[in-house]
Amino acid sequence: MARPLDEEKRKAILDSAVRIIAGQGLNATTALIAKEAGISTGSLFTYFPDKVTLLNQLYLHIKTEVATALIYEFPLQARIENKAFHVWKSYVAWACNNPEKRTALQQLTVSRVISEGTRKQSQAMFEVVNHMLSELSNSESCQNVAFITAVMASLAETTIDFVINEPGRTNEYTDTGFRMFWQSLRM
């Protein structure tokens, strides 16, 4: 009978993968990730049969954390502007508090190694946020949810970069960045 896998060891592998990928990119070896986790490469493959599986699981692991941050205390009954600001503020805070995970997620997001099934699984975690984004598509300036999402993400990433470089101006940049996004919708 096979021994059950140790969840702490699995988490250590994922945490190591975040650090290594953030520093060295997606071409980093599984041997290096295993070494960082304090295990053998063979042990890593007990938890993740190949690097593609590891990267897809890492993507879901980080996306779960992001979804949890965005959905925490989500104001379901609030006006659309308040909902959007909640998502904005929560994402900016998560990204600023987790710079390595942000970097790893950025690389994983644009990677072809993340499967369509993994992306769909991730998308399902953001149901409340997706509904809010659909509401935003009722704006005067744009009805394309994907475009609105991309603009919001781009401005949020710019805001995060400024907050990281000038943490003393976190509230100012967070508020100003959101106002710029909101005004672009003319809602």
N, C-alpha and C. Protein backbone atom coordinates (compact mmCIF):
# COMPACT_ATOMS: atom_id res chain seq x y z
N MET A 1 0.84 -1.18 0.00
CA MET A 1 0.00 0.00 0.00
C MET A 1 0.88 1.25 0.00
N ALA A 2 0.60 2.17 -0.93
CA ALA A 2 1.40 3.39 -1.05
C ALA A 2 1.12 4.33 0.11
N ARG A 3 2.18 5.00 0.55
CA ARG A 3 2.03 5.98 1.61
C ARG A 3 1.33 7.22 1.07
N PRO A 4 0.48 7.84 1.87
CA PRO A 4 -0.16 9.07 1.41
C PRO A 4 0.88 10.18 1.25
N LEU A 5 0.65 11.04 0.28
CA LEU A 5 1.57 12.15 0.05
C LEU A 5 1.43 13.18 1.16
N ASP A 6 2.56 13.76 1.54
CA ASP A 6 2.62 14.75 2.60
C ASP A 6 2.26 16.13 2.01
N GLU A 7 1.16 16.70 2.48
CA GLU A 7 0.70 18.00 1.96
C GLU A 7 1.72 19.10 2.24
N GLU A 8 2.43 19.02 3.36
CA GLU A 8 3.46 20.02 3.67
C GLU A 8 4.60 19.97 2.64
N LYS A 9 4.96 18.77 2.24
CA LYS A 9 6.03 18.62 1.24
C LYS A 9 5.57 19.15 -0.11
N ARG A 10 4.31 18.87 -0.46
CA ARG A 10 3.75 19.38 -1.72
C ARG A 10 3.77 20.91 -1.72
N LYS A 11 3.37 21.50 -0.60
CA LYS A 11 3.38 22.97 -0.49
C LYS A 11 4.80 23.51 -0.56
N ALA A 12 5.74 22.81 0.04
CA ALA A 12 7.15 23.25 -0.01
C ALA A 12 7.66 23.26 -1.46
N ILE A 13 7.24 22.26 -2.23
CA ILE A 13 7.64 22.21 -3.64
C ILE A 13 7.05 23.40 -4.39
N LEU A 14 5.77 23.67 -4.17
CA LEU A 14 5.13 24.80 -4.84
C LEU A 14 5.76 26.13 -4.43
N ASP A 15 6.05 26.29 -3.14
CA ASP A 15 6.70 27.52 -2.66
C ASP A 15 8.09 27.68 -3.28
N SER A 16 8.82 26.58 -3.39
CA SER A 16 10.14 26.62 -4.01
C SER A 16 10.03 26.97 -5.49
N ALA A 17 9.03 26.40 -6.16
CA ALA A 17 8.82 26.70 -7.57
C ALA A 17 8.54 28.18 -7.77
N VAL A 18 7.77 28.78 -6.88
CA VAL A 18 7.51 30.23 -6.97
C VAL A 18 8.82 30.99 -6.92
N ARG A 19 9.64 30.70 -5.92
CA ARG A 19 10.91 31.44 -5.75
C ARG A 19 11.84 31.25 -6.95
N ILE A 20 11.97 30.02 -7.40
CA ILE A 20 12.89 29.73 -8.50
C ILE A 20 12.38 30.36 -9.81
N ILE A 21 11.10 30.21 -10.10
CA ILE A 21 10.55 30.76 -11.34
C ILE A 21 10.58 32.28 -11.31
N ALA A 22 10.28 32.87 -10.17
CA ALA A 22 10.35 34.33 -10.07
C ALA A 22 11.76 34.84 -10.35
N GLY A 23 12.75 34.08 -9.92
CA GLY A 23 14.13 34.50 -10.11
C GLY A 23 14.77 34.08 -11.42
N GLN A 24 14.38 32.90 -11.93
CA GLN A 24 15.07 32.35 -13.10
C GLN A 24 14.18 32.09 -14.31
N GLY A 25 12.89 32.22 -14.14
CA GLY A 25 11.98 32.00 -15.26
C GLY A 25 11.53 30.56 -15.36
N LEU A 26 10.69 30.32 -16.36
CA LEU A 26 10.09 29.00 -16.53
C LEU A 26 11.05 27.93 -17.02
N ASN A 27 12.22 28.32 -17.47
CA ASN A 27 13.21 27.34 -17.91
C ASN A 27 14.00 26.74 -16.76
N ALA A 28 13.74 27.20 -15.54
CA ALA A 28 14.43 26.64 -14.38
C ALA A 28 14.14 25.13 -14.30
N THR A 29 15.11 24.39 -13.85
CA THR A 29 14.99 22.93 -13.84
C THR A 29 14.21 22.43 -12.61
N THR A 30 13.61 21.27 -12.77
CA THR A 30 12.93 20.64 -11.64
C THR A 30 13.96 20.25 -10.57
N ALA A 31 15.19 19.94 -10.99
CA ALA A 31 16.24 19.60 -10.02
C ALA A 31 16.51 20.78 -9.10
N LEU A 32 16.52 21.99 -9.67
CA LEU A 32 16.76 23.18 -8.86
C LEU A 32 15.58 23.44 -7.92
N ILE A 33 14.38 23.24 -8.42
CA ILE A 33 13.18 23.42 -7.59
C ILE A 33 13.20 22.42 -6.44
N ALA A 34 13.54 21.16 -6.74
CA ALA A 34 13.61 20.12 -5.71
C ALA A 34 14.67 20.46 -4.66
N LYS A 35 15.84 20.91 -5.13
CA LYS A 35 16.92 21.28 -4.21
C LYS A 35 16.47 22.40 -3.28
N GLU A 36 15.81 23.42 -3.85
CA GLU A 36 15.30 24.54 -3.05
C GLU A 36 14.28 24.06 -2.02
N ALA A 37 13.51 23.04 -2.37
CA ALA A 37 12.50 22.49 -1.46
C ALA A 37 13.12 21.54 -0.43
N GLY A 38 14.39 21.20 -0.62
CA GLY A 38 15.05 20.30 0.32
C GLY A 38 14.69 18.84 0.13
N ILE A 39 14.35 18.47 -1.13
CA ILE A 39 14.01 17.08 -1.44
C ILE A 39 14.77 16.64 -2.68
N SER A 40 14.73 15.36 -2.96
CA SER A 40 15.35 14.85 -4.17
C SER A 40 14.44 15.10 -5.37
N THR A 41 15.02 15.09 -6.56
CA THR A 41 14.23 15.25 -7.78
C THR A 41 13.21 14.12 -7.89
N GLY A 42 13.62 12.93 -7.51
CA GLY A 42 12.69 11.79 -7.53
C GLY A 42 11.48 12.01 -6.65
N SER A 43 11.70 12.61 -5.48
CA SER A 43 10.58 12.92 -4.60
C SER A 43 9.65 13.96 -5.22
N LEU A 44 10.22 14.94 -5.92
CA LEU A 44 9.39 15.94 -6.59
C LEU A 44 8.45 15.25 -7.57
N PHE A 45 8.99 14.27 -8.31
CA PHE A 45 8.18 13.58 -9.32
C PHE A 45 7.15 12.62 -8.69
N THR A 46 7.27 12.37 -7.40
CA THR A 46 6.23 11.62 -6.70
C THR A 46 4.98 12.49 -6.55
N TYR A 47 5.21 13.78 -6.39
CA TYR A 47 4.11 14.72 -6.21
C TYR A 47 3.58 15.28 -7.53
N PHE A 48 4.49 15.48 -8.47
CA PHE A 48 4.15 16.04 -9.78
C PHE A 48 4.86 15.19 -10.83
N PRO A 49 4.14 14.42 -11.65
CA PRO A 49 4.77 13.46 -12.55
C PRO A 49 5.70 14.08 -13.60
N ASP A 50 5.51 15.36 -13.89
CA ASP A 50 6.38 16.03 -14.86
C ASP A 50 6.33 17.54 -14.61
N LYS A 51 7.20 18.26 -15.29
CA LYS A 51 7.29 19.70 -15.08
C LYS A 51 6.01 20.41 -15.53
N VAL A 52 5.40 19.95 -16.60
CA VAL A 52 4.16 20.57 -17.09
C VAL A 52 3.08 20.49 -16.03
N THR A 53 2.94 19.34 -15.39
CA THR A 53 1.96 19.18 -14.32
C THR A 53 2.29 20.11 -13.16
N LEU A 54 3.56 20.17 -12.79
CA LEU A 54 3.99 21.06 -11.71
C LEU A 54 3.60 22.50 -12.03
N LEU A 55 3.89 22.97 -13.24
CA LEU A 55 3.60 24.36 -13.60
C LEU A 55 2.10 24.63 -13.64
N ASN A 56 1.32 23.70 -14.13
CA ASN A 56 -0.14 23.87 -14.14
C ASN A 56 -0.70 23.90 -12.72
N GLN A 57 -0.18 23.05 -11.85
CA GLN A 57 -0.62 23.04 -10.46
C GLN A 57 -0.18 24.31 -9.73
N LEU A 58 1.00 24.80 -10.07
CA LEU A 58 1.48 26.05 -9.47
C LEU A 58 0.59 27.21 -9.89
N TYR A 59 0.22 27.25 -11.16
CA TYR A 59 -0.68 28.28 -11.67
C TYR A 59 -2.00 28.27 -10.88
N LEU A 60 -2.58 27.09 -10.71
CA LEU A 60 -3.83 26.98 -9.95
C LEU A 60 -3.64 27.36 -8.49
N HIS A 61 -2.51 26.98 -7.93
CA HIS A 61 -2.21 27.30 -6.54
C HIS A 61 -2.17 28.82 -6.33
N ILE A 62 -1.50 29.52 -7.21
CA ILE A 62 -1.41 30.98 -7.08
C ILE A 62 -2.75 31.63 -7.39
N LYS A 63 -3.42 31.17 -8.43
CA LYS A 63 -4.72 31.74 -8.80
C LYS A 63 -5.74 31.54 -7.68
N THR A 64 -5.68 30.42 -6.98
CA THR A 64 -6.57 30.19 -5.84
C THR A 64 -6.34 31.24 -4.77
N GLU A 65 -5.08 31.55 -4.53
CA GLU A 65 -4.74 32.57 -3.54
C GLU A 65 -5.26 33.95 -3.98
N VAL A 66 -5.09 34.27 -5.26
CA VAL A 66 -5.59 35.56 -5.77
C VAL A 66 -7.11 35.61 -5.64
N ALA A 67 -7.79 34.56 -6.08
CA ALA A 67 -9.26 34.52 -6.00
C ALA A 67 -9.73 34.70 -4.56
N THR A 68 -9.07 34.04 -3.63
CA THR A 68 -9.43 34.17 -2.22
C THR A 68 -9.29 35.62 -1.76
N ALA A 69 -8.21 36.28 -2.18
CA ALA A 69 -7.99 37.67 -1.80
C ALA A 69 -9.06 38.59 -2.39
N LEU A 70 -9.43 38.36 -3.64
CA LEU A 70 -10.41 39.23 -4.30
C LEU A 70 -11.82 39.02 -3.77
N ILE A 71 -12.14 37.80 -3.41
CA ILE A 71 -13.49 37.48 -3.01
C ILE A 71 -13.73 37.73 -1.52
N TYR A 72 -12.66 37.81 -0.75
CA TYR A 72 -12.79 38.03 0.69
C TYR A 72 -13.54 39.34 0.94
N GLU A 73 -14.64 39.25 1.67
CA GLU A 73 -15.49 40.38 2.02
C GLU A 73 -15.97 41.14 0.78
N PHE A 74 -16.19 40.41 -0.32
CA PHE A 74 -16.68 41.04 -1.54
C PHE A 74 -18.06 41.66 -1.27
N PRO A 75 -18.25 42.93 -1.63
CA PRO A 75 -19.52 43.62 -1.34
C PRO A 75 -20.61 43.29 -2.37
N LEU A 76 -21.23 42.14 -2.22
CA LEU A 76 -22.22 41.67 -3.20
C LEU A 76 -23.35 42.65 -3.46
N GLN A 77 -23.78 43.35 -2.45
CA GLN A 77 -24.94 44.25 -2.59
C GLN A 77 -24.54 45.69 -2.88
N ALA A 78 -23.28 45.95 -3.08
CA ALA A 78 -22.81 47.32 -3.30
C ALA A 78 -23.03 47.77 -4.74
N ARG A 79 -22.84 49.05 -4.97
CA ARG A 79 -22.87 49.59 -6.33
C ARG A 79 -21.70 49.01 -7.11
N ILE A 80 -21.82 49.01 -8.42
CA ILE A 80 -20.79 48.42 -9.28
C ILE A 80 -19.43 49.09 -9.07
N GLU A 81 -19.40 50.39 -8.85
CA GLU A 81 -18.13 51.07 -8.61
C GLU A 81 -17.45 50.54 -7.36
N ASN A 82 -18.22 50.30 -6.31
CA ASN A 82 -17.64 49.78 -5.06
C ASN A 82 -17.14 48.35 -5.25
N LYS A 83 -17.86 47.56 -6.02
CA LYS A 83 -17.41 46.19 -6.31
C LYS A 83 -16.10 46.21 -7.07
N ALA A 84 -16.05 47.07 -8.09
CA ALA A 84 -14.82 47.16 -8.91
C ALA A 84 -13.65 47.65 -8.07
N PHE A 85 -13.90 48.64 -7.20
CA PHE A 85 -12.82 49.14 -6.35
C PHE A 85 -12.35 48.08 -5.38
N HIS A 86 -13.27 47.28 -4.87
CA HIS A 86 -12.88 46.19 -3.96
C HIS A 86 -11.91 45.22 -4.68
N VAL A 87 -12.27 44.84 -5.90
CA VAL A 87 -11.41 43.93 -6.68
C VAL A 87 -10.06 44.59 -6.93
N TRP A 88 -10.09 45.85 -7.33
CA TRP A 88 -8.87 46.60 -7.63
C TRP A 88 -7.95 46.66 -6.40
N LYS A 89 -8.50 47.14 -5.31
CA LYS A 89 -7.72 47.31 -4.08
C LYS A 89 -7.19 45.98 -3.56
N SER A 90 -8.02 44.96 -3.64
CA SER A 90 -7.61 43.63 -3.16
C SER A 90 -6.48 43.06 -4.01
N TYR A 91 -6.58 43.24 -5.32
CA TYR A 91 -5.52 42.72 -6.19
C TYR A 91 -4.22 43.49 -6.00
N VAL A 92 -4.30 44.80 -5.91
CA VAL A 92 -3.09 45.61 -5.69
C VAL A 92 -2.43 45.19 -4.38
N ALA A 93 -3.20 45.03 -3.33
CA ALA A 93 -2.64 44.63 -2.04
C ALA A 93 -2.02 43.24 -2.12
N TRP A 94 -2.72 42.28 -2.75
CA TRP A 94 -2.18 40.92 -2.87
C TRP A 94 -0.85 40.96 -3.62
N ALA A 95 -0.82 41.63 -4.76
CA ALA A 95 0.38 41.65 -5.59
C ALA A 95 1.56 42.32 -4.88
N CYS A 96 1.29 43.41 -4.16
CA CYS A 96 2.36 44.10 -3.44
C CYS A 96 2.88 43.27 -2.28
N ASN A 97 2.01 42.48 -1.66
CA ASN A 97 2.42 41.63 -0.55
C ASN A 97 3.05 40.31 -0.99
N ASN A 98 2.93 39.98 -2.28
CA ASN A 98 3.43 38.71 -2.81
C ASN A 98 4.19 38.92 -4.12
N PRO A 99 5.29 39.68 -4.09
CA PRO A 99 5.97 40.01 -5.35
C PRO A 99 6.49 38.80 -6.11
N GLU A 100 6.98 37.78 -5.42
CA GLU A 100 7.48 36.59 -6.13
C GLU A 100 6.33 35.84 -6.79
N LYS A 101 5.23 35.71 -6.08
CA LYS A 101 4.07 35.01 -6.67
C LYS A 101 3.53 35.81 -7.86
N ARG A 102 3.52 37.12 -7.75
CA ARG A 102 3.07 37.96 -8.86
C ARG A 102 3.95 37.72 -10.08
N THR A 103 5.27 37.73 -9.88
CA THR A 103 6.20 37.51 -10.99
C THR A 103 6.02 36.13 -11.60
N ALA A 104 5.92 35.11 -10.75
CA ALA A 104 5.72 33.75 -11.26
C ALA A 104 4.40 33.65 -12.01
N LEU A 105 3.34 34.25 -11.47
CA LEU A 105 2.03 34.21 -12.13
C LEU A 105 2.06 34.91 -13.48
N GLN A 106 2.75 36.03 -13.56
CA GLN A 106 2.86 36.74 -14.84
C GLN A 106 3.50 35.84 -15.89
N GLN A 107 4.56 35.13 -15.50
CA GLN A 107 5.24 34.25 -16.44
C GLN A 107 4.36 33.06 -16.83
N LEU A 108 3.69 32.49 -15.84
CA LEU A 108 2.82 31.34 -16.12
C LEU A 108 1.64 31.74 -17.00
N THR A 109 1.10 32.92 -16.78
CA THR A 109 -0.07 33.38 -17.52
C THR A 109 0.20 33.46 -19.02
N VAL A 110 1.38 33.91 -19.40
CA VAL A 110 1.69 34.06 -20.83
C VAL A 110 2.31 32.80 -21.42
N SER A 111 2.52 31.79 -20.60
CA SER A 111 3.15 30.56 -21.06
C SER A 111 2.18 29.66 -21.81
N ARG A 112 2.69 28.99 -22.81
CA ARG A 112 1.87 28.01 -23.55
C ARG A 112 1.77 26.68 -22.81
N VAL A 113 2.52 26.52 -21.75
CA VAL A 113 2.51 25.27 -21.00
C VAL A 113 1.25 25.13 -20.14
N ILE A 114 0.60 26.25 -19.82
CA ILE A 114 -0.62 26.19 -19.02
C ILE A 114 -1.75 25.76 -19.96
N SER A 115 -2.38 24.65 -19.62
CA SER A 115 -3.39 24.07 -20.50
C SER A 115 -4.69 24.87 -20.48
N GLU A 116 -5.48 24.69 -21.51
CA GLU A 116 -6.79 25.33 -21.59
C GLU A 116 -7.68 24.87 -20.44
N GLY A 117 -7.59 23.59 -20.10
CA GLY A 117 -8.37 23.07 -18.97
C GLY A 117 -7.99 23.72 -17.66
N THR A 118 -6.71 23.95 -17.45
CA THR A 118 -6.24 24.63 -16.25
C THR A 118 -6.74 26.07 -16.23
N ARG A 119 -6.68 26.73 -17.36
CA ARG A 119 -7.16 28.12 -17.45
C ARG A 119 -8.66 28.20 -17.14
N LYS A 120 -9.43 27.24 -17.66
CA LYS A 120 -10.87 27.22 -17.39
C LYS A 120 -11.15 26.95 -15.92
N GLN A 121 -10.39 26.05 -15.34
CA GLN A 121 -10.54 25.73 -13.92
C GLN A 121 -10.26 26.98 -13.09
N SER A 122 -9.24 27.72 -13.48
CA SER A 122 -8.90 28.96 -12.78
C SER A 122 -10.01 29.99 -12.94
N GLN A 123 -10.51 30.13 -14.14
CA GLN A 123 -11.56 31.12 -14.42
C GLN A 123 -12.79 30.88 -13.54
N ALA A 124 -13.11 29.64 -13.29
CA ALA A 124 -14.28 29.30 -12.48
C ALA A 124 -14.15 29.81 -11.04
N MET A 125 -12.92 29.97 -10.56
CA MET A 125 -12.71 30.45 -9.19
C MET A 125 -13.09 31.91 -9.03
N PHE A 126 -13.21 32.63 -10.14
CA PHE A 126 -13.44 34.07 -10.11
C PHE A 126 -14.87 34.43 -10.51
N GLU A 127 -15.83 33.57 -10.20
CA GLU A 127 -17.21 33.76 -10.66
C GLU A 127 -17.77 35.14 -10.27
N VAL A 128 -17.60 35.54 -9.03
CA VAL A 128 -18.13 36.83 -8.56
C VAL A 128 -17.44 37.98 -9.30
N VAL A 129 -16.14 37.86 -9.49
CA VAL A 129 -15.38 38.90 -10.19
C VAL A 129 -15.81 38.93 -11.66
N ASN A 130 -15.98 37.77 -12.27
CA ASN A 130 -16.41 37.72 -13.67
C ASN A 130 -17.78 38.36 -13.84
N HIS A 131 -18.67 38.14 -12.89
CA HIS A 131 -20.00 38.77 -12.95
C HIS A 131 -19.87 40.29 -12.86
N MET A 132 -19.00 40.77 -11.98
CA MET A 132 -18.76 42.19 -11.84
C MET A 132 -18.21 42.77 -13.14
N LEU A 133 -17.30 42.05 -13.79
CA LEU A 133 -16.73 42.51 -15.06
C LEU A 133 -17.80 42.56 -16.15
N SER A 134 -18.71 41.62 -16.12
CA SER A 134 -19.83 41.64 -17.08
C SER A 134 -20.71 42.87 -16.85
N GLU A 135 -20.91 43.21 -15.59
CA GLU A 135 -21.67 44.43 -15.28
C GLU A 135 -20.96 45.66 -15.85
N LEU A 136 -19.65 45.67 -15.78
CA LEU A 136 -18.88 46.81 -16.30
C LEU A 136 -19.04 46.96 -17.81
N SER A 137 -19.35 45.88 -18.48
CA SER A 137 -19.49 45.96 -19.94
C SER A 137 -20.74 46.72 -20.36
N ASN A 138 -21.52 47.19 -19.40
CA ASN A 138 -22.67 48.04 -19.71
C ASN A 138 -22.29 49.51 -19.80
N SER A 139 -20.98 49.79 -19.81
CA SER A 139 -20.53 51.18 -19.86
C SER A 139 -20.80 51.79 -21.23
N GLU A 140 -20.73 53.12 -21.27
CA GLU A 140 -20.92 53.84 -22.52
C GLU A 140 -19.77 53.59 -23.49
N SER A 141 -18.58 53.45 -22.96
CA SER A 141 -17.41 53.42 -23.82
C SER A 141 -17.02 52.04 -24.36
N CYS A 142 -17.43 50.96 -23.69
CA CYS A 142 -17.00 49.64 -24.16
C CYS A 142 -17.91 48.55 -23.62
N GLN A 143 -18.31 47.65 -24.50
CA GLN A 143 -19.14 46.53 -24.08
C GLN A 143 -18.37 45.20 -24.15
N ASN A 144 -17.09 45.25 -24.44
CA ASN A 144 -16.25 44.07 -24.60
C ASN A 144 -15.62 43.71 -23.24
N VAL A 145 -16.11 42.66 -22.60
CA VAL A 145 -15.64 42.27 -21.26
C VAL A 145 -14.14 41.96 -21.27
N ALA A 146 -13.68 41.26 -22.28
CA ALA A 146 -12.25 40.90 -22.35
C ALA A 146 -11.38 42.15 -22.44
N PHE A 147 -11.82 43.13 -23.21
CA PHE A 147 -11.05 44.37 -23.34
C PHE A 147 -11.05 45.15 -22.03
N ILE A 148 -12.22 45.25 -21.40
CA ILE A 148 -12.31 45.94 -20.11
C ILE A 148 -11.40 45.26 -19.09
N THR A 149 -11.42 43.94 -19.07
CA THR A 149 -10.57 43.18 -18.15
C THR A 149 -9.10 43.46 -18.41
N ALA A 150 -8.71 43.48 -19.68
CA ALA A 150 -7.30 43.74 -20.03
C ALA A 150 -6.88 45.15 -19.63
N VAL A 151 -7.74 46.13 -19.86
CA VAL A 151 -7.42 47.51 -19.48
C VAL A 151 -7.30 47.62 -17.97
N MET A 152 -8.24 47.02 -17.26
CA MET A 152 -8.19 47.04 -15.79
C MET A 152 -6.91 46.39 -15.29
N ALA A 153 -6.56 45.24 -15.86
CA ALA A 153 -5.34 44.54 -15.44
C ALA A 153 -4.10 45.36 -15.74
N SER A 154 -4.05 45.99 -16.89
CA SER A 154 -2.88 46.79 -17.27
C SER A 154 -2.69 47.97 -16.33
N LEU A 155 -3.78 48.68 -16.06
CA LEU A 155 -3.68 49.81 -15.13
C LEU A 155 -3.36 49.35 -13.71
N ALA A 156 -3.90 48.21 -13.32
CA ALA A 156 -3.59 47.68 -11.99
C ALA A 156 -2.11 47.32 -11.89
N GLU A 157 -1.56 46.69 -12.92
CA GLU A 157 -0.14 46.33 -12.90
C GLU A 157 0.74 47.58 -12.84
N THR A 158 0.36 48.62 -13.56
CA THR A 158 1.10 49.88 -13.48
C THR A 158 1.02 50.46 -12.08
N THR A 159 -0.16 50.44 -11.50
CA THR A 159 -0.36 50.92 -10.13
C THR A 159 0.52 50.13 -9.16
N ILE A 160 0.54 48.83 -9.31
CA ILE A 160 1.35 47.97 -8.43
C ILE A 160 2.83 48.33 -8.54
N ASP A 161 3.31 48.53 -9.76
CA ASP A 161 4.72 48.90 -9.94
C ASP A 161 5.05 50.19 -9.20
N PHE A 162 4.16 51.17 -9.28
CA PHE A 162 4.40 52.44 -8.59
C PHE A 162 4.32 52.27 -7.07
N VAL A 163 3.37 51.49 -6.59
CA VAL A 163 3.24 51.25 -5.15
C VAL A 163 4.49 50.55 -4.63
N ILE A 164 4.99 49.57 -5.36
CA ILE A 164 6.19 48.85 -4.93
C ILE A 164 7.39 49.80 -4.87
N ASN A 165 7.49 50.69 -5.84
CA ASN A 165 8.62 51.64 -5.87
C ASN A 165 8.49 52.76 -4.86
N GLU A 166 7.26 53.12 -4.49
CA GLU A 166 7.02 54.19 -3.53
C GLU A 166 5.94 53.77 -2.53
N PRO A 167 6.27 52.86 -1.63
CA PRO A 167 5.25 52.32 -0.71
C PRO A 167 4.58 53.39 0.16
N GLY A 168 5.22 54.49 0.38
CA GLY A 168 4.62 55.56 1.16
C GLY A 168 3.44 56.23 0.47
N ARG A 169 3.29 55.95 -0.81
CA ARG A 169 2.19 56.55 -1.58
C ARG A 169 1.16 55.49 -2.02
N THR A 170 1.10 54.38 -1.27
CA THR A 170 0.22 53.26 -1.63
C THR A 170 -1.22 53.70 -1.84
N ASN A 171 -1.79 54.38 -0.86
CA ASN A 171 -3.20 54.79 -0.97
C ASN A 171 -3.42 55.75 -2.13
N GLU A 172 -2.50 56.68 -2.29
CA GLU A 172 -2.62 57.66 -3.39
C GLU A 172 -2.62 56.95 -4.75
N TYR A 173 -1.65 56.06 -4.96
CA TYR A 173 -1.57 55.38 -6.25
C TYR A 173 -2.74 54.42 -6.46
N THR A 174 -3.14 53.74 -5.40
CA THR A 174 -4.27 52.82 -5.51
C THR A 174 -5.54 53.56 -5.90
N ASP A 175 -5.79 54.66 -5.23
CA ASP A 175 -7.00 55.46 -5.52
C ASP A 175 -6.92 56.12 -6.90
N THR A 176 -5.79 56.70 -7.22
CA THR A 176 -5.63 57.40 -8.50
C THR A 176 -5.72 56.42 -9.67
N GLY A 177 -5.07 55.29 -9.54
CA GLY A 177 -5.12 54.29 -10.59
C GLY A 177 -6.55 53.83 -10.84
N PHE A 178 -7.29 53.59 -9.77
CA PHE A 178 -8.68 53.17 -9.93
C PHE A 178 -9.52 54.28 -10.57
N ARG A 179 -9.33 55.53 -10.11
CA ARG A 179 -10.10 56.63 -10.70
C ARG A 179 -9.84 56.73 -12.20
N MET A 180 -8.59 56.53 -12.61
CA MET A 180 -8.26 56.57 -14.04
C MET A 180 -8.99 55.46 -14.79
N PHE A 181 -9.01 54.26 -14.20
CA PHE A 181 -9.74 53.16 -14.82
C PHE A 181 -11.23 53.48 -14.89
N TRP A 182 -11.79 53.94 -13.78
CA TRP A 182 -13.24 54.18 -13.70
C TRP A 182 -13.64 55.27 -14.71
N GLN A 183 -12.85 56.32 -14.80
CA GLN A 183 -13.16 57.40 -15.74
C GLN A 183 -13.09 56.93 -17.18
N SER A 184 -12.24 55.94 -17.43
CA SER A 184 -12.15 55.42 -18.81
C SER A 184 -13.45 54.74 -19.22
N LEU A 185 -14.21 54.26 -18.25
CA LEU A 185 -15.49 53.60 -18.54
C LEU A 185 -16.64 54.59 -18.68
N ARG A 186 -16.43 55.80 -18.17
CA ARG A 186 -17.48 56.84 -18.16
C ARG A 186 -18.79 56.31 -17.57
N MET A 187 -18.69 55.67 -16.42
CA MET A 187 -19.90 55.10 -15.79
C MET A 187 -20.48 56.07 -14.79
